[in-house]
Amino acid sequence: MTSTKQDLLYRGFMTDTIIQIIEDEPLHASLLERALRQARFTTAIAADGNRGWQEVCGTLPSLILLDLMLPGMSGHEICRLVRNTPSTKHIPIIMLTAVGTEEDRIVGLEMGADDYVGKPFSPREIVSRVQAVLRRTRAALPEPIRLADASVRVQGPYFEISWQDRLLTLSMTELA
């Protein structure tokens, strides 16, 4: 079952900064989750590409840590989907992979990744990179818009609008 952002928050997690980890190696996923939780981030883990894409769409995380070699759907395909989908294109991506040649890094960055880290990695370095990417992306956002209507919430770079008992998620471009 795919978790939504509200599900994760209602279960008592720390913040609404959710880091989606899409990593098929259980040891790496566990190391990342532990380090990020110690840094006070909420995490969600998916062990294959298809599940990872479903969770990204359902949760709309603050950042994605994305392995490239995944069962089901590759990390490259997930990156393409994230960048070509209006509700997810704003989500920063840090690629994690054992494939770390200069050409691979260039391809990953040209596809839309915000950072690229080779394996093996230091969990502390990943936390620092996550914090740095979030600082950069949040600094680029316009000032939050305050609306009197409680049915509209600004959530990062998108709006959540409750309308006729449905929750709509719109980007700044879609709202304009």
Foldseek 3Di string as FASTA:
>chain_A
DADALVNQVVVPAQDSQEEEEAAQPVVVVVLLCVLVVVVRHHYDYHNADVSSLVNCVRHVHQAYEAEQDGPPDGSLVSLLVQCPDQLRNLHAYEYEYQPDDPVVQVVVVVSPHPYYYYPPDDSVVVNVVVVVVSVVSQVPADDDDDDPDPQWDDDRQWIWGQDPNDTDIHGPVRVD
